[in-house]
Amino acid sequence: MSWLSLFKHELKAIFTNVSLVFTVFGGVVFYSFLYPLPYTNELPRDQKVAVVDLDQTQMSRELIRMADATPQVHITQHLGSIDAAKQALLDRQVEGILVIPHDFYKDVMLGTSPTLAYSGNAALFLVYGTIVEGLSAAGADLGVKAKINHLVLKGDNFVQATEQYSAMKLNMRPVFNVTMGYINYVVPAVFVLILHQTLLIGVGMVGASENEARAAGKSGYWAEYPVWMIMAVRAFIFVVIYLVLAAYYFGFTFTYYGVNRLASIPDLLSMTIAFLLAVIMLGMVLGQLIPRSELVTLVVLLSSLPLVFTAGFIWPTSELPTLLRELTQLAPSTAAINGFLGLNQMGATFAQMIGWWQQLWLQALGFGALAFWLMSRSRKASR
């Protein structure tokens, strides 16, 4: 009944469970390379576009050159008809089409607005958005150039016309995601969720394995030691394991992928310990409620997508139903993702994120009390 013997029993239960070891260690390392893989190029660039130039003027050719010069678009085909361009799009030879109408040059010089037609595969929304962004930028630049020419023709000074072609100028500078890419936007939050889900599975599997043994009429060390000792030792072991894995994510992988790291180590450690304890206690509750260990993985994985879309970094929480928004606050991942993003990616102070930290500690205490009650009840029922 010593602490040392309990440590040995817990370590044996964890490291002799192949599924648990594979999920905790293999899952964390595997996903650290797999998940960011689609985002390594940050943003789609140089999308292939076919052009149908029905105007065949110097200005239409200039528009094509300007579109090709944007980082989003690469003009690969010059076709003679819209039907040929449609066929090229259907055959996936190009990702988009630009159609320059007849009388394009004439309309611009008369000061009327010609209509440029863009087309693309909207099923690939990133590709489609990139093409539209590039073609719109080229069209806008050509429009600015035409306005300046009109002002010069009216007698304005060229420099003055360049400065006054628009009543206002927009100077856009990203505050947090300075690269405007997906690595800094999505990966830090998803890494927190991966830690959350694998830890939940690991702790849940230990409890569910005990349920299986109990149902089979077997007993073990978990029936001999006080419940509070088992909870304390199990929590300590998983906290130590996941501090190492969290350091791997927030250290090596963030450096490897060039993700911002603005939080100080003490702030990051404070948030991490609160997060790990909240998840461990929730895992103990889950382990008591699920009868077989293989079901833990199924239940936790099914919750992954709902947790991602309700955490607030992909979809605004103000657009979620009130009941759903309140329910997501019960998951440690919601507070942890917002807390870590604030500290590490946005440069917030710990005082600004203390609400999320307090929420994690409340969850740790609440889930811990519930786990204690469930484990005590199971022990009494098995006697």
Protein backbone atom coordinates (compact mmCIF):
# COMPACT_ATOMS: atom_id res chain seq x y z
CA MET A 1 0.00 0.00 0.00
CA SER A 2 2.98 2.33 -0.48
CA TRP A 3 3.18 5.22 -2.94
CA LEU A 4 6.13 3.55 -4.69
CA SER A 5 4.29 0.29 -5.33
CA LEU A 6 1.27 2.23 -6.63
CA PHE A 7 3.55 4.14 -9.01
CA LYS A 8 4.89 0.84 -10.32
CA HIS A 9 1.38 -0.57 -10.81
CA GLU A 10 0.22 2.55 -12.66
CA LEU A 11 3.30 2.69 -14.87
CA LYS A 12 2.85 -1.01 -15.72
CA ALA A 13 -0.85 -0.48 -16.52
CA ILE A 14 0.02 2.41 -18.85
CA PHE A 15 3.12 1.13 -20.63
CA THR A 16 1.94 -2.48 -21.10
CA ASN A 17 -1.23 -1.30 -22.84
CA VAL A 18 -0.15 -1.30 -26.50
CA SER A 19 -3.18 0.63 -27.74
CA LEU A 20 -2.65 3.33 -25.14
CA VAL A 21 1.07 3.69 -25.86
CA PHE A 22 0.43 3.82 -29.60
CA THR A 23 -2.29 6.46 -29.16
CA VAL A 24 -0.40 8.68 -26.73
CA PHE A 25 3.11 8.60 -28.17
CA GLY A 26 2.54 7.42 -31.73
CA GLY A 27 -0.52 9.62 -32.21
CA VAL A 28 1.11 12.81 -30.98
CA VAL A 29 4.27 12.33 -33.07
CA PHE A 30 2.41 11.05 -36.14
CA TYR A 31 -0.07 13.94 -36.21
CA SER A 32 2.68 16.51 -35.66
CA PHE A 33 3.91 15.71 -39.18
CA LEU A 34 0.70 14.56 -40.86
CA TYR A 35 -1.68 17.38 -39.98
CA PRO A 36 0.44 20.40 -41.05
CA LEU A 37 1.43 18.66 -44.31
CA PRO A 38 -1.40 20.14 -46.45
CA TYR A 39 -0.60 23.62 -45.10
CA THR A 40 3.18 23.67 -45.57
CA ASN A 41 2.84 25.95 -48.60
CA GLU A 42 0.75 28.31 -46.44
CA LEU A 43 -1.47 29.57 -49.30
CA PRO A 44 -2.37 28.35 -52.80
CA ARG A 45 -0.33 30.19 -55.42
CA ASP A 46 0.14 30.24 -59.22
CA GLN A 47 -3.19 28.65 -60.06
CA LYS A 48 -3.53 27.73 -63.73
CA VAL A 49 -5.98 29.99 -65.60
CA ALA A 50 -7.12 30.03 -69.23
CA VAL A 51 -7.91 33.34 -70.95
CA VAL A 52 -10.48 34.02 -73.65
CA ASP A 53 -9.62 37.44 -75.08
CA LEU A 54 -12.57 38.54 -77.23
CA ASP A 55 -11.31 42.14 -77.43
CA GLN A 56 -7.77 41.57 -78.74
CA THR A 57 -6.57 45.08 -77.90
CA GLN A 58 -3.47 46.44 -76.23
CA MET A 59 -5.43 47.04 -73.03
CA SER A 60 -6.81 43.50 -72.90
CA ARG A 61 -3.31 42.12 -73.37
CA GLU A 62 -2.09 44.42 -70.60
CA LEU A 63 -4.80 43.05 -68.29
CA ILE A 64 -3.63 39.50 -69.07
CA ARG A 65 -0.04 40.43 -68.24
CA MET A 66 -1.16 42.05 -64.98
CA ALA A 67 -3.17 38.97 -64.01
CA ASP A 68 -0.21 36.71 -64.80
CA ALA A 69 2.03 38.93 -62.66
CA THR A 70 -0.09 38.40 -59.53
CA PRO A 71 1.16 35.69 -57.13
CA GLN A 72 -2.24 33.97 -57.24
CA VAL A 73 -2.63 33.42 -61.00
CA HIS A 74 -0.55 31.78 -63.73
CA ILE A 75 -1.94 32.21 -67.25
CA THR A 76 -1.26 28.92 -69.01
CA GLN A 77 -3.66 28.92 -71.97
CA HIS A 78 -4.96 31.50 -74.47
CA LEU A 79 -8.10 30.06 -76.06
CA GLY A 80 -10.33 31.33 -78.83
CA SER A 81 -13.76 30.54 -77.42
CA ILE A 82 -15.62 30.23 -74.16
CA ASP A 83 -16.60 26.65 -75.01
CA ALA A 84 -12.94 25.65 -75.37
CA ALA A 85 -12.18 27.28 -72.03
CA LYS A 86 -15.07 25.44 -70.37
CA GLN A 87 -13.77 22.15 -71.73
CA ALA A 88 -10.28 22.91 -70.42
CA LEU A 89 -11.80 23.60 -66.99
CA LEU A 90 -13.83 20.38 -67.07
CA ASP A 91 -10.72 18.41 -68.09
CA ARG A 92 -8.86 19.93 -65.10
CA GLN A 93 -6.24 21.42 -67.43
CA VAL A 94 -6.85 24.76 -65.70
CA GLU A 95 -8.41 25.78 -62.41
CA GLY A 96 -10.12 28.93 -63.68
CA ILE A 97 -11.19 30.99 -66.69
CA LEU A 98 -10.94 34.72 -67.44
CA VAL A 99 -13.15 36.06 -70.24
CA ILE A 100 -12.40 39.57 -71.58
CA PRO A 101 -15.52 40.79 -73.46
CA HIS A 102 -15.78 42.54 -76.81
CA ASP A 103 -15.42 46.34 -76.64
CA PHE A 104 -13.47 46.08 -73.40
CA TYR A 105 -11.02 48.81 -74.46
CA LYS A 106 -13.81 51.00 -75.85
CA ASP A 107 -15.89 50.79 -72.64
CA VAL A 108 -12.89 51.65 -70.48
CA MET A 109 -11.99 54.68 -72.57
CA LEU A 110 -15.63 55.87 -72.53
CA GLY A 111 -15.64 55.63 -68.75
CA THR A 112 -18.26 52.88 -68.57
CA SER A 113 -17.64 49.71 -66.57
CA PRO A 114 -16.96 46.61 -68.67
CA THR A 115 -17.79 43.25 -67.14
CA LEU A 116 -14.96 40.73 -66.76
CA ALA A 117 -16.16 37.14 -66.35
CA TYR A 118 -14.32 34.82 -63.93
CA SER A 119 -15.07 31.14 -63.58
CA GLY A 120 -13.60 28.34 -61.52
CA ASN A 121 -14.27 25.18 -59.54
CA ALA A 122 -15.95 26.48 -56.38
CA ALA A 123 -15.85 23.00 -54.83
CA LEU A 124 -12.17 23.73 -54.13
CA PHE A 125 -12.94 26.91 -52.24
CA LEU A 126 -9.33 27.83 -51.47
CA VAL A 127 -8.32 27.51 -55.12
CA TYR A 128 -11.43 29.33 -56.29
CA GLY A 129 -10.94 32.16 -53.80
CA THR A 130 -7.28 32.50 -54.79
CA ILE A 131 -8.10 32.81 -58.49
CA VAL A 132 -10.86 35.35 -57.88
CA GLU A 133 -8.54 37.33 -55.59
CA GLY A 134 -5.78 37.44 -58.22
CA LEU A 135 -8.06 38.33 -61.14
CA SER A 136 -9.92 40.94 -59.09
CA ALA A 137 -6.62 42.54 -58.07
CA ALA A 138 -5.48 42.70 -61.71
CA GLY A 139 -8.82 44.21 -62.79
CA ALA A 140 -8.72 46.75 -59.96
CA ASP A 141 -5.14 47.77 -60.83
CA LEU A 142 -6.10 48.27 -64.46
CA GLY A 143 -9.10 50.34 -63.36
CA VAL A 144 -6.84 52.56 -61.26
CA LYS A 145 -4.51 53.02 -64.20
CA ALA A 146 -7.47 54.02 -66.43
CA LYS A 147 -8.67 56.55 -63.84
CA ILE A 148 -5.23 58.12 -63.62
CA ASN A 149 -5.08 58.37 -67.42
CA HIS A 150 -8.47 60.11 -67.45
CA LEU A 151 -7.31 62.61 -64.82
CA VAL A 152 -4.12 63.32 -66.76
CA LEU A 153 -6.10 63.81 -69.98
CA LYS A 154 -8.28 66.33 -68.11
CA GLY A 155 -5.16 68.35 -67.29
CA ASP A 156 -4.23 67.11 -63.81
CA ASN A 157 -0.59 66.68 -62.87
CA PHE A 158 0.47 62.99 -63.10
CA VAL A 159 1.78 62.87 -59.53
CA GLN A 160 -1.35 64.59 -58.24
CA ALA A 161 -3.55 62.25 -60.26
CA THR A 162 -1.69 59.25 -58.83
CA GLU A 163 -2.36 60.44 -55.29
CA GLN A 164 -5.95 61.58 -55.83
CA TYR A 165 -7.47 58.83 -57.99
CA SER A 166 -9.30 57.60 -54.91
CA ALA A 167 -10.97 59.53 -52.06
CA MET A 168 -9.40 57.15 -49.52
CA LYS A 169 -6.53 54.68 -49.33
CA LEU A 170 -6.70 51.41 -47.48
CA ASN A 171 -3.54 50.29 -45.67
CA MET A 172 -4.10 46.70 -44.51
CA ARG A 173 -1.63 45.19 -42.06
CA PRO A 174 -2.30 41.86 -40.28
CA VAL A 175 -1.96 42.18 -36.52
CA PHE A 176 -1.48 38.55 -35.50
CA ASN A 177 -1.13 36.21 -38.46
CA VAL A 178 1.50 38.30 -40.25
CA THR A 179 2.19 35.64 -42.90
CA MET A 180 -1.56 35.44 -43.72
CA GLY A 181 -1.03 31.68 -44.00
CA TYR A 182 -2.75 28.62 -42.59
CA ILE A 183 0.17 27.30 -40.55
CA ASN A 184 0.03 30.16 -38.04
CA TYR A 185 -3.76 30.21 -38.14
CA VAL A 186 -4.88 26.59 -37.86
CA VAL A 187 -2.00 24.41 -36.69
CA PRO A 188 -1.44 25.87 -33.16
CA ALA A 189 -5.09 25.36 -32.24
CA VAL A 190 -5.27 21.88 -33.74
CA PHE A 191 -2.11 20.81 -31.90
CA VAL A 192 -3.84 21.71 -28.62
CA LEU A 193 -6.82 19.62 -29.69
CA ILE A 194 -4.55 16.67 -30.55
CA LEU A 195 -3.01 16.83 -27.06
CA HIS A 196 -6.54 17.03 -25.62
CA GLN A 197 -7.90 14.05 -27.55
CA THR A 198 -4.92 11.70 -27.13
CA LEU A 199 -4.70 12.44 -23.40
CA LEU A 200 -8.43 11.89 -23.02
CA ILE A 201 -8.15 8.54 -24.80
CA GLY A 202 -5.11 7.47 -22.76
CA VAL A 203 -6.64 8.21 -19.34
CA GLY A 204 -10.03 6.89 -20.42
CA MET A 205 -8.49 3.59 -21.57
CA VAL A 206 -6.94 2.96 -18.15
CA GLY A 207 -10.31 3.41 -16.42
CA ALA A 208 -12.24 1.43 -19.04
CA SER A 209 -9.74 -1.45 -18.77
CA GLU A 210 -10.51 -1.61 -15.06
CA ASN A 211 -14.23 -1.71 -15.89
CA GLU A 212 -13.61 -4.67 -18.20
CA ALA A 213 -11.69 -6.52 -15.49
CA ARG A 214 -14.34 -5.70 -12.91
CA ALA A 215 -17.09 -6.98 -15.21
CA ALA A 216 -15.13 -10.22 -15.70
CA GLY A 217 -14.99 -10.71 -11.92
CA LYS A 218 -11.30 -9.88 -11.68
CA SER A 219 -9.60 -7.58 -9.24
CA GLY A 220 -6.41 -5.56 -9.24
CA TYR A 221 -4.32 -2.96 -7.50
CA TRP A 222 -6.99 -0.36 -8.30
CA ALA A 223 -9.34 -2.13 -5.86
CA GLU A 224 -6.82 -2.12 -3.01
CA TYR A 225 -5.58 1.47 -2.85
CA PRO A 226 -7.68 4.46 -1.78
CA VAL A 227 -9.37 6.17 -4.69
CA TRP A 228 -7.71 9.52 -4.00
CA MET A 229 -4.24 7.90 -4.12
CA ILE A 230 -4.97 6.27 -7.46
CA MET A 231 -6.26 9.54 -8.88
CA ALA A 232 -3.24 11.50 -7.60
CA VAL A 233 -0.65 9.04 -8.94
CA ARG A 234 -2.41 8.60 -12.29
CA ALA A 235 -2.73 12.36 -12.72
CA PHE A 236 0.92 12.91 -11.82
CA ILE A 237 2.19 10.31 -14.31
CA PHE A 238 0.07 11.63 -17.19
CA VAL A 239 0.99 15.24 -16.38
CA VAL A 240 4.70 14.35 -16.57
CA ILE A 241 4.25 12.45 -19.85
CA TYR A 242 2.23 15.22 -21.45
CA LEU A 243 4.50 18.01 -20.27
CA VAL A 244 7.15 16.36 -22.41
CA LEU A 245 4.75 16.00 -25.36
CA ALA A 246 3.49 19.59 -24.94
CA ALA A 247 7.11 20.81 -24.94
CA TYR A 248 7.61 18.82 -28.16
CA TYR A 249 4.60 20.55 -29.77
CA PHE A 250 5.15 24.08 -28.46
CA GLY A 251 8.90 23.84 -28.89
CA PHE A 252 10.24 21.65 -31.69
CA THR A 253 7.21 21.53 -34.00
CA PHE A 254 6.46 25.28 -33.71
CA THR A 255 10.09 26.02 -34.59
CA TYR A 256 10.06 23.45 -37.38
CA TYR A 257 6.96 24.97 -39.01
CA GLY A 258 7.85 28.60 -38.24
CA VAL A 259 4.86 29.17 -35.96
CA ASN A 260 4.87 32.26 -33.71
CA ARG A 261 5.90 31.74 -30.08
CA LEU A 262 5.16 34.85 -28.05
CA ALA A 263 4.35 33.41 -24.60
CA SER A 264 6.89 33.23 -21.81
CA ILE A 265 7.72 29.77 -20.47
CA PRO A 266 6.18 30.40 -17.00
CA ASP A 267 2.90 31.58 -18.57
CA LEU A 268 2.87 28.64 -20.97
CA LEU A 269 3.61 26.20 -18.14
CA SER A 270 0.84 27.61 -15.95
CA MET A 271 -1.73 27.26 -18.71
CA THR A 272 -0.43 23.79 -19.69
CA ILE A 273 -0.68 22.31 -16.18
CA ALA A 274 -4.23 23.59 -15.71
CA PHE A 275 -5.14 22.22 -19.15
CA LEU A 276 -3.61 18.79 -18.54
CA LEU A 277 -5.26 18.35 -15.14
CA ALA A 278 -8.68 19.32 -16.53
CA VAL A 279 -8.34 16.79 -19.36
CA ILE A 280 -7.01 14.03 -17.07
CA MET A 281 -9.94 14.44 -14.68
CA LEU A 282 -12.38 14.39 -17.60
CA GLY A 283 -10.61 11.24 -18.87
CA MET A 284 -11.13 9.58 -15.48
CA VAL A 285 -14.85 10.40 -15.68
CA LEU A 286 -14.98 8.99 -19.20
CA GLY A 287 -13.14 5.85 -18.11
CA GLN A 288 -15.76 5.16 -15.46
CA LEU A 289 -18.67 5.63 -17.87
CA ILE A 290 -17.42 3.48 -20.77
CA PRO A 291 -17.44 -0.29 -20.26
CA ARG A 292 -14.75 -1.30 -22.78
CA SER A 293 -11.42 0.37 -23.58
CA GLU A 294 -11.82 0.23 -27.38
CA LEU A 295 -14.99 2.34 -27.15
CA VAL A 296 -13.04 5.23 -25.60
CA THR A 297 -11.19 5.92 -28.85
CA LEU A 298 -14.43 5.82 -30.83
CA VAL A 299 -16.27 8.23 -28.52
CA VAL A 300 -13.38 10.70 -28.31
CA LEU A 301 -12.67 10.71 -32.05
CA LEU A 302 -16.34 11.36 -32.85
CA SER A 303 -16.14 14.51 -30.72
CA SER A 304 -13.10 15.93 -32.56
CA LEU A 305 -14.80 17.80 -35.40
CA PRO A 306 -17.55 19.32 -33.20
CA LEU A 307 -14.86 20.53 -30.79
CA VAL A 308 -12.84 22.09 -33.63
CA PHE A 309 -15.79 23.98 -35.09
CA THR A 310 -17.11 25.21 -31.75
CA ALA A 311 -13.81 26.32 -30.22
CA GLY A 312 -14.05 29.77 -31.83
CA PHE A 313 -10.94 29.88 -34.05
CA ILE A 314 -12.59 28.57 -37.25
CA TRP A 315 -16.20 29.65 -36.80
CA PRO A 316 -17.20 32.68 -34.69
CA THR A 317 -18.87 31.62 -31.45
CA SER A 318 -21.31 34.54 -31.78
CA GLU A 319 -22.86 32.64 -34.70
CA LEU A 320 -23.37 29.45 -32.66
CA PRO A 321 -26.67 28.65 -30.89
CA THR A 322 -26.55 29.77 -27.27
CA LEU A 323 -27.06 26.25 -25.90
CA LEU A 324 -24.24 24.86 -28.04
CA ARG A 325 -21.96 27.74 -27.07
CA GLU A 326 -22.58 27.01 -23.38
CA LEU A 327 -22.05 23.25 -23.80
CA THR A 328 -18.67 23.75 -25.47
CA GLN A 329 -17.46 25.56 -22.37
CA LEU A 330 -17.55 22.19 -20.58
CA ALA A 331 -14.77 20.84 -22.83
CA PRO A 332 -11.25 21.75 -21.64
CA SER A 333 -10.19 22.11 -25.28
CA THR A 334 -12.31 25.28 -25.70
CA ALA A 335 -10.66 27.18 -22.85
CA ALA A 336 -7.22 25.77 -23.66
CA ILE A 337 -7.29 26.64 -27.37
CA ASN A 338 -8.38 30.22 -26.65
CA GLY A 339 -5.89 30.58 -23.82
CA PHE A 340 -2.92 29.20 -25.76
CA LEU A 341 -3.76 31.17 -28.92
CA GLY A 342 -4.01 34.36 -26.88
CA LEU A 343 -0.71 33.82 -25.10
CA ASN A 344 1.40 32.24 -27.81
CA GLN A 345 0.05 33.59 -31.10
CA MET A 346 -1.46 36.97 -30.16
CA GLY A 347 1.01 38.06 -27.48
CA ALA A 348 -1.62 38.58 -24.76
CA THR A 349 -0.54 38.87 -21.15
CA PHE A 350 -1.42 36.14 -18.67
CA ALA A 351 -3.75 38.57 -16.89
CA GLN A 352 -5.73 38.95 -20.11
CA MET A 353 -6.08 35.16 -20.42
CA ILE A 354 -6.68 34.43 -16.75
CA GLY A 355 -10.38 33.79 -17.36
CA TRP A 356 -9.55 30.74 -19.51
CA TRP A 357 -6.99 29.58 -16.91
CA GLN A 358 -9.57 29.83 -14.13
CA GLN A 359 -12.07 27.94 -16.25
CA LEU A 360 -9.58 25.09 -16.68
CA TRP A 361 -8.99 24.86 -12.94
CA LEU A 362 -12.75 24.85 -12.28
CA GLN A 363 -13.09 22.01 -14.77
CA ALA A 364 -10.23 20.12 -13.11
CA LEU A 365 -11.89 20.43 -9.70
CA GLY A 366 -15.38 19.65 -10.99
CA PHE A 367 -14.40 16.66 -13.13
CA GLY A 368 -12.06 15.47 -10.34
CA ALA A 369 -14.91 15.45 -7.80
CA LEU A 370 -17.16 13.63 -10.26
CA ALA A 371 -14.44 11.07 -11.06
CA PHE A 372 -13.86 10.46 -7.34
CA TRP A 373 -17.56 9.82 -6.80
CA LEU A 374 -17.84 7.48 -9.81
CA MET A 375 -14.74 5.49 -8.85
CA SER A 376 -15.92 5.16 -5.23
CA ARG A 377 -19.33 4.03 -6.41
CA SER A 378 -17.85 1.40 -8.75
CA ARG A 379 -15.69 0.05 -5.95
CA LYS A 380 -18.66 -0.27 -3.60
CA ALA A 381 -20.74 -1.95 -6.30
CA SER A 382 -18.03 -4.54 -6.96
CA ARG A 383 -17.77 -5.60 -3.31
